[in-house]
Amino acid sequence: MESAGHALTVKDYLPLMAVIVGGILAIAGGFFSNLWFEWRRDRRLRKNLALAFQGEITAIQEMVRKREYIEGLKNTIRKIENSGQPIPFSFRAQRKYFSVYEAHVGSIGLLSPPLSNLVARFYTQANGILEDVELLGEKDLSTADPKTLAELYKRLLALFEDTESVGEQIIKEVSNQYSK
């Protein structure tokens, strides 16, 4: 018969310790599996977002190249400088070409640096180009000073070229980060 003063041994606590360790492992497993799931989901979201921006930017760049806007600006500037006459530059953009950007502008911060910065810069500059072209379209070019007009076109050309360069950086960065 056991006495009331019987001392409990480690062996008596093994079932309790097993329950505690099992509980800790279950909690940790749930926490880390959720963490891993969230990490994978965020990674997939960032990749899809980056690829969508890359696709839209590539399409915009192709339109600029195929419509020869940069070459057209260079030729127009040359003609103005050679003739001393105000010559209009023909450019039209009446459709919305930034649908991916407009749908995901609030998610740009999810992209890893420097991609988030480059995407914001590309679209801000592209909108600046559209704004400049719209303002130039509102001017009466028949009375415009040719030197001033050529200078405005040179600034627009510089913005086009820099925006094209930023687009190339984005395409390269997306390929580097997500081609794996």
C-alpha atoms as a PDB file:
ATOM      1  CA  MET A   1       0.000   0.000   0.000  1.00  0.00           C
ATOM      2  CA  GLU A   2       1.257   3.462  -0.959  1.00  0.00           C
ATOM      3  CA  SER A   3       1.641   6.063   1.613  1.00  0.00           C
ATOM      4  CA  ALA A   4       0.110   9.530   1.366  1.00  0.00           C
ATOM      5  CA  GLY A   5       3.537  11.098   1.389  1.00  0.00           C
ATOM      6  CA  HIS A   6       4.628   9.245  -1.740  1.00  0.00           C
ATOM      7  CA  ALA A   7       6.972  11.411  -3.835  1.00  0.00           C
ATOM      8  CA  LEU A   8       6.170  11.687  -7.511  1.00  0.00           C
ATOM      9  CA  THR A   9       8.991  10.818  -9.853  1.00  0.00           C
ATOM     10  CA  VAL A  10       9.810  12.168 -13.308  1.00  0.00           C
ATOM     11  CA  LYS A  11       8.171   9.087 -14.719  1.00  0.00           C
ATOM     12  CA  ASP A  12       4.865  10.241 -13.240  1.00  0.00           C
ATOM     13  CA  TYR A  13       5.110  13.572 -15.099  1.00  0.00           C
ATOM     14  CA  LEU A  14       5.959  12.096 -18.526  1.00  0.00           C
ATOM     15  CA  PRO A  15       2.336  12.034 -19.771  1.00  0.00           C
ATOM     16  CA  LEU A  16       1.850  15.667 -18.722  1.00  0.00           C
ATOM     17  CA  MET A  17       5.129  16.727 -20.329  1.00  0.00           C
ATOM     18  CA  ALA A  18       4.166  14.881 -23.523  1.00  0.00           C
ATOM     19  CA  VAL A  19       0.865  16.780 -23.647  1.00  0.00           C
ATOM     20  CA  ILE A  20       2.620  20.116 -23.076  1.00  0.00           C
ATOM     21  CA  VAL A  21       5.330  19.430 -25.687  1.00  0.00           C
ATOM     22  CA  GLY A  22       2.668  18.173 -28.123  1.00  0.00           C
ATOM     23  CA  GLY A  23       0.625  21.340 -27.579  1.00  0.00           C
ATOM     24  CA  ILE A  24       3.662  23.556 -28.118  1.00  0.00           C
ATOM     25  CA  LEU A  25       4.541  21.677 -31.303  1.00  0.00           C
ATOM     26  CA  ALA A  26       0.951  21.913 -32.574  1.00  0.00           C
ATOM     27  CA  ILE A  27       0.838  25.665 -31.940  1.00  0.00           C
ATOM     28  CA  ALA A  28       4.269  26.194 -33.502  1.00  0.00           C
ATOM     29  CA  GLY A  29       3.348  24.008 -36.472  1.00  0.00           C
ATOM     30  CA  GLY A  30       0.153  25.965 -37.069  1.00  0.00           C
ATOM     31  CA  PHE A  31       1.985  29.281 -36.733  1.00  0.00           C
ATOM     32  CA  PHE A  32       4.844  28.314 -39.054  1.00  0.00           C
ATOM     33  CA  SER A  33       2.581  26.678 -41.632  1.00  0.00           C
ATOM     34  CA  ASN A  34       0.464  29.853 -41.759  1.00  0.00           C
ATOM     35  CA  LEU A  35       3.613  31.934 -42.013  1.00  0.00           C
ATOM     36  CA  TRP A  36       4.923  29.750 -44.828  1.00  0.00           C
ATOM     37  CA  PHE A  37       1.554  29.847 -46.633  1.00  0.00           C
ATOM     38  CA  GLU A  38       1.393  33.649 -46.380  1.00  0.00           C
ATOM     39  CA  TRP A  39       4.982  33.969 -47.597  1.00  0.00           C
ATOM     40  CA  ARG A  40       4.268  31.788 -50.653  1.00  0.00           C
ATOM     41  CA  ARG A  41       1.013  33.638 -51.395  1.00  0.00           C
ATOM     42  CA  ASP A  42       2.729  37.043 -51.148  1.00  0.00           C
ATOM     43  CA  ARG A  43       5.614  35.836 -53.290  1.00  0.00           C
ATOM     44  CA  ARG A  44       3.213  34.588 -55.968  1.00  0.00           C
ATOM     45  CA  LEU A  45       1.242  37.853 -55.791  1.00  0.00           C
ATOM     46  CA  ARG A  46       4.425  39.935 -56.196  1.00  0.00           C
ATOM     47  CA  LYS A  47       5.536  37.806 -59.131  1.00  0.00           C
ATOM     48  CA  ASN A  48       2.158  38.044 -60.884  1.00  0.00           C
ATOM     49  CA  LEU A  49       2.026  41.790 -60.285  1.00  0.00           C
ATOM     50  CA  ALA A  50       5.566  42.287 -61.606  1.00  0.00           C
ATOM     51  CA  LEU A  51       4.851  40.188 -64.694  1.00  0.00           C
ATOM     52  CA  ALA A  52       1.626  42.119 -65.367  1.00  0.00           C
ATOM     53  CA  PHE A  53       3.503  45.433 -65.168  1.00  0.00           C
ATOM     54  CA  GLN A  54       6.245  44.018 -67.365  1.00  0.00           C
ATOM     55  CA  GLY A  55       3.684  42.961 -69.966  1.00  0.00           C
ATOM     56  CA  GLU A  56       1.929  46.321 -70.031  1.00  0.00           C
ATOM     57  CA  ILE A  57       5.199  48.260 -70.168  1.00  0.00           C
ATOM     58  CA  THR A  58       6.506  46.043 -72.964  1.00  0.00           C
ATOM     59  CA  ALA A  59       3.314  46.650 -74.949  1.00  0.00           C
ATOM     60  CA  ILE A  60       3.565  50.424 -74.418  1.00  0.00           C
ATOM     61  CA  GLN A  61       7.186  50.416 -75.529  1.00  0.00           C
ATOM     62  CA  GLU A  62       6.342  48.397 -78.623  1.00  0.00           C
ATOM     63  CA  MET A  63       3.631  50.895 -79.574  1.00  0.00           C
ATOM     64  CA  VAL A  64       6.076  53.786 -79.143  1.00  0.00           C
ATOM     65  CA  ARG A  65       8.640  51.986 -81.330  1.00  0.00           C
ATOM     66  CA  LYS A  66       6.218  50.879 -84.022  1.00  0.00           C
ATOM     67  CA  ARG A  67       4.589  54.299 -84.221  1.00  0.00           C
ATOM     68  CA  GLU A  68       8.096  55.804 -84.313  1.00  0.00           C
ATOM     69  CA  TYR A  69       7.316  58.594 -81.859  1.00  0.00           C
ATOM     70  CA  ILE A  70      10.935  59.126 -80.826  1.00  0.00           C
ATOM     71  CA  GLU A  71      12.205  59.154 -84.406  1.00  0.00           C
ATOM     72  CA  GLY A  72       9.303  61.421 -85.372  1.00  0.00           C
ATOM     73  CA  LEU A  73      10.187  63.890 -82.633  1.00  0.00           C
ATOM     74  CA  LYS A  74      13.832  63.901 -83.702  1.00  0.00           C
ATOM     75  CA  ASN A  75      12.845  64.524 -87.328  1.00  0.00           C
ATOM     76  CA  THR A  76      10.402  67.273 -86.344  1.00  0.00           C
ATOM     77  CA  ILE A  77      13.065  69.023 -84.241  1.00  0.00           C
ATOM     78  CA  ARG A  78      15.551  68.771 -87.142  1.00  0.00           C
ATOM     79  CA  LYS A  79      13.000  70.195 -89.593  1.00  0.00           C
ATOM     80  CA  ILE A  80      12.178  73.107 -87.287  1.00  0.00           C
ATOM     81  CA  GLU A  81      15.868  73.893 -86.772  1.00  0.00           C
ATOM     82  CA  ASN A  82      16.611  73.667 -90.516  1.00  0.00           C
ATOM     83  CA  SER A  83      13.565  75.562 -91.782  1.00  0.00           C
ATOM     84  CA  GLY A  84      12.963  78.023 -88.966  1.00  0.00           C
ATOM     85  CA  GLN A  85       9.258  77.220 -89.260  1.00  0.00           C
ATOM     86  CA  PRO A  86       6.952  75.865 -86.532  1.00  0.00           C
ATOM     87  CA  ILE A  87       6.153  72.277 -87.500  1.00  0.00           C
ATOM     88  CA  PRO A  88       3.601  70.235 -85.568  1.00  0.00           C
ATOM     89  CA  PHE A  89       4.418  66.819 -84.161  1.00  0.00           C
ATOM     90  CA  SER A  90       1.643  64.298 -84.640  1.00  0.00           C
ATOM     91  CA  PHE A  91       0.829  62.159 -81.615  1.00  0.00           C
ATOM     92  CA  ARG A  92      -2.490  60.802 -80.414  1.00  0.00           C
ATOM     93  CA  ALA A  93      -3.415  58.698 -77.429  1.00  0.00           C
ATOM     94  CA  GLN A  94      -7.113  58.605 -76.735  1.00  0.00           C
ATOM     95  CA  ARG A  95      -7.399  55.148 -75.254  1.00  0.00           C
ATOM     96  CA  LYS A  96      -6.468  54.071 -71.756  1.00  0.00           C
ATOM     97  CA  TYR A  97      -3.156  52.298 -72.091  1.00  0.00           C
ATOM     98  CA  PHE A  98      -2.421  51.959 -68.381  1.00  0.00           C
ATOM     99  CA  SER A  99      -5.107  49.476 -67.295  1.00  0.00           C
ATOM    100  CA  VAL A 100      -2.733  47.275 -65.253  1.00  0.00           C
ATOM    101  CA  TYR A 101      -1.316  50.342 -63.541  1.00  0.00           C
ATOM    102  CA  GLU A 102      -4.753  51.793 -62.795  1.00  0.00           C
ATOM    103  CA  ALA A 103      -5.996  48.469 -61.401  1.00  0.00           C
ATOM    104  CA  HIS A 104      -2.934  47.899 -59.200  1.00  0.00           C
ATOM    105  CA  VAL A 105      -1.560  51.339 -58.360  1.00  0.00           C
ATOM    106  CA  GLY A 106      -2.158  50.682 -54.647  1.00  0.00           C
ATOM    107  CA  SER A 107      -0.133  47.473 -54.796  1.00  0.00           C
ATOM    108  CA  ILE A 108       3.080  48.869 -56.280  1.00  0.00           C
ATOM    109  CA  GLY A 109       4.591  48.920 -52.791  1.00  0.00           C
ATOM    110  CA  LEU A 110       4.413  45.114 -52.700  1.00  0.00           C
ATOM    111  CA  LEU A 111       7.086  44.941 -55.391  1.00  0.00           C
ATOM    112  CA  SER A 112      10.622  44.636 -54.111  1.00  0.00           C
ATOM    113  CA  PRO A 113      13.030  47.510 -54.541  1.00  0.00           C
ATOM    114  CA  PRO A 114      14.120  48.865 -56.953  1.00  0.00           C
ATOM    115  CA  LEU A 115      11.158  47.578 -58.966  1.00  0.00           C
ATOM    116  CA  SER A 116       8.542  49.514 -56.997  1.00  0.00           C
ATOM    117  CA  ASN A 117      10.429  52.763 -57.552  1.00  0.00           C
ATOM    118  CA  LEU A 118      10.980  52.101 -61.250  1.00  0.00           C
ATOM    119  CA  VAL A 119       7.327  51.220 -61.907  1.00  0.00           C
ATOM    120  CA  ALA A 120       6.105  54.361 -60.155  1.00  0.00           C
ATOM    121  CA  ARG A 121       8.632  56.451 -62.071  1.00  0.00           C
ATOM    122  CA  PHE A 122       7.725  54.897 -65.445  1.00  0.00           C
ATOM    123  CA  TYR A 123       4.007  55.566 -65.115  1.00  0.00           C
ATOM    124  CA  THR A 124       4.458  59.051 -63.676  1.00  0.00           C
ATOM    125  CA  GLN A 125       6.683  59.973 -66.615  1.00  0.00           C
ATOM    126  CA  ALA A 126       4.366  58.284 -69.129  1.00  0.00           C
ATOM    127  CA  ASN A 127       1.485  60.348 -67.768  1.00  0.00           C
ATOM    128  CA  GLY A 128       3.714  63.417 -68.044  1.00  0.00           C
ATOM    129  CA  ILE A 129       4.310  62.626 -71.725  1.00  0.00           C
ATOM    130  CA  LEU A 130       0.575  62.376 -72.356  1.00  0.00           C
ATOM    131  CA  GLU A 131       0.015  65.645 -70.519  1.00  0.00           C
ATOM    132  CA  ASP A 132       2.743  67.427 -72.503  1.00  0.00           C
ATOM    133  CA  VAL A 133       1.389  66.116 -75.798  1.00  0.00           C
ATOM    134  CA  GLU A 134      -2.097  67.259 -74.841  1.00  0.00           C
ATOM    135  CA  LEU A 135      -0.804  70.748 -73.984  1.00  0.00           C
ATOM    136  CA  LEU A 136       1.123  70.931 -77.253  1.00  0.00           C
ATOM    137  CA  GLY A 137      -2.009  69.883 -79.114  1.00  0.00           C
ATOM    138  CA  GLU A 138      -3.892  72.817 -77.617  1.00  0.00           C
ATOM    139  CA  LYS A 139      -1.332  75.381 -78.852  1.00  0.00           C
ATOM    140  CA  ASP A 140      -1.790  77.285 -82.077  1.00  0.00           C
ATOM    141  CA  LEU A 141       1.447  76.234 -83.716  1.00  0.00           C
ATOM    142  CA  SER A 142       1.030  78.585 -86.678  1.00  0.00           C
ATOM    143  CA  THR A 143       1.980  81.490 -84.409  1.00  0.00           C
ATOM    144  CA  ALA A 144       4.457  79.620 -82.199  1.00  0.00           C
ATOM    145  CA  ASP A 145       8.080  80.689 -82.006  1.00  0.00           C
ATOM    146  CA  PRO A 146      10.053  77.918 -83.787  1.00  0.00           C
ATOM    147  CA  LYS A 147      12.940  78.015 -81.273  1.00  0.00           C
ATOM    148  CA  THR A 148      10.543  77.719 -78.331  1.00  0.00           C
ATOM    149  CA  LEU A 149       8.649  74.923 -80.064  1.00  0.00           C
ATOM    150  CA  ALA A 150      11.885  73.058 -80.831  1.00  0.00           C
ATOM    151  CA  GLU A 151      12.888  73.411 -77.168  1.00  0.00           C
ATOM    152  CA  LEU A 152       9.528  72.028 -76.012  1.00  0.00           C
ATOM    153  CA  TYR A 153       9.943  69.093 -78.389  1.00  0.00           C
ATOM    154  CA  LYS A 154      13.494  68.475 -77.100  1.00  0.00           C
ATOM    155  CA  ARG A 155      12.188  68.297 -73.531  1.00  0.00           C
ATOM    156  CA  LEU A 156       9.438  65.917 -74.639  1.00  0.00           C
ATOM    157  CA  LEU A 157      12.034  63.820 -76.488  1.00  0.00           C
ATOM    158  CA  ALA A 158      14.231  63.657 -73.367  1.00  0.00           C
ATOM    159  CA  LEU A 159      11.221  62.507 -71.331  1.00  0.00           C
ATOM    160  CA  PHE A 160      10.352  59.868 -73.964  1.00  0.00           C
ATOM    161  CA  GLU A 161      13.920  58.546 -73.999  1.00  0.00           C
ATOM    162  CA  ASP A 162      14.247  58.474 -70.225  1.00  0.00           C
ATOM    163  CA  THR A 163      10.875  56.749 -69.846  1.00  0.00           C
ATOM    164  CA  GLU A 164      11.922  54.175 -72.434  1.00  0.00           C
ATOM    165  CA  SER A 165      15.141  53.588 -70.472  1.00  0.00           C
ATOM    166  CA  VAL A 166      13.191  53.150 -67.218  1.00  0.00           C
ATOM    167  CA  GLY A 167      10.914  50.661 -68.998  1.00  0.00           C
ATOM    168  CA  GLU A 168      13.955  48.661 -70.099  1.00  0.00           C
ATOM    169  CA  GLN A 169      15.246  48.661 -66.511  1.00  0.00           C
ATOM    170  CA  ILE A 170      11.873  47.336 -65.309  1.00  0.00           C
ATOM    171  CA  ILE A 171      11.828  44.550 -67.880  1.00  0.00           C
ATOM    172  CA  LYS A 172      15.388  43.557 -66.930  1.00  0.00           C
ATOM    173  CA  GLU A 173      14.648  43.728 -63.192  1.00  0.00           C
ATOM    174  CA  VAL A 174      11.495  41.606 -63.490  1.00  0.00           C
ATOM    175  CA  SER A 175      13.431  39.039 -65.504  1.00  0.00           C
ATOM    176  CA  ASN A 176      16.236  39.006 -62.917  1.00  0.00           C
ATOM    177  CA  GLN A 177      13.891  38.681 -59.937  1.00  0.00           C
ATOM    178  CA  TYR A 178      11.261  36.313 -61.312  1.00  0.00           C
ATOM    179  CA  SER A 179      12.765  34.182 -64.070  1.00  0.00           C
ATOM    180  CA  LYS A 180      13.769  31.553 -61.506  1.00  0.00           C
END
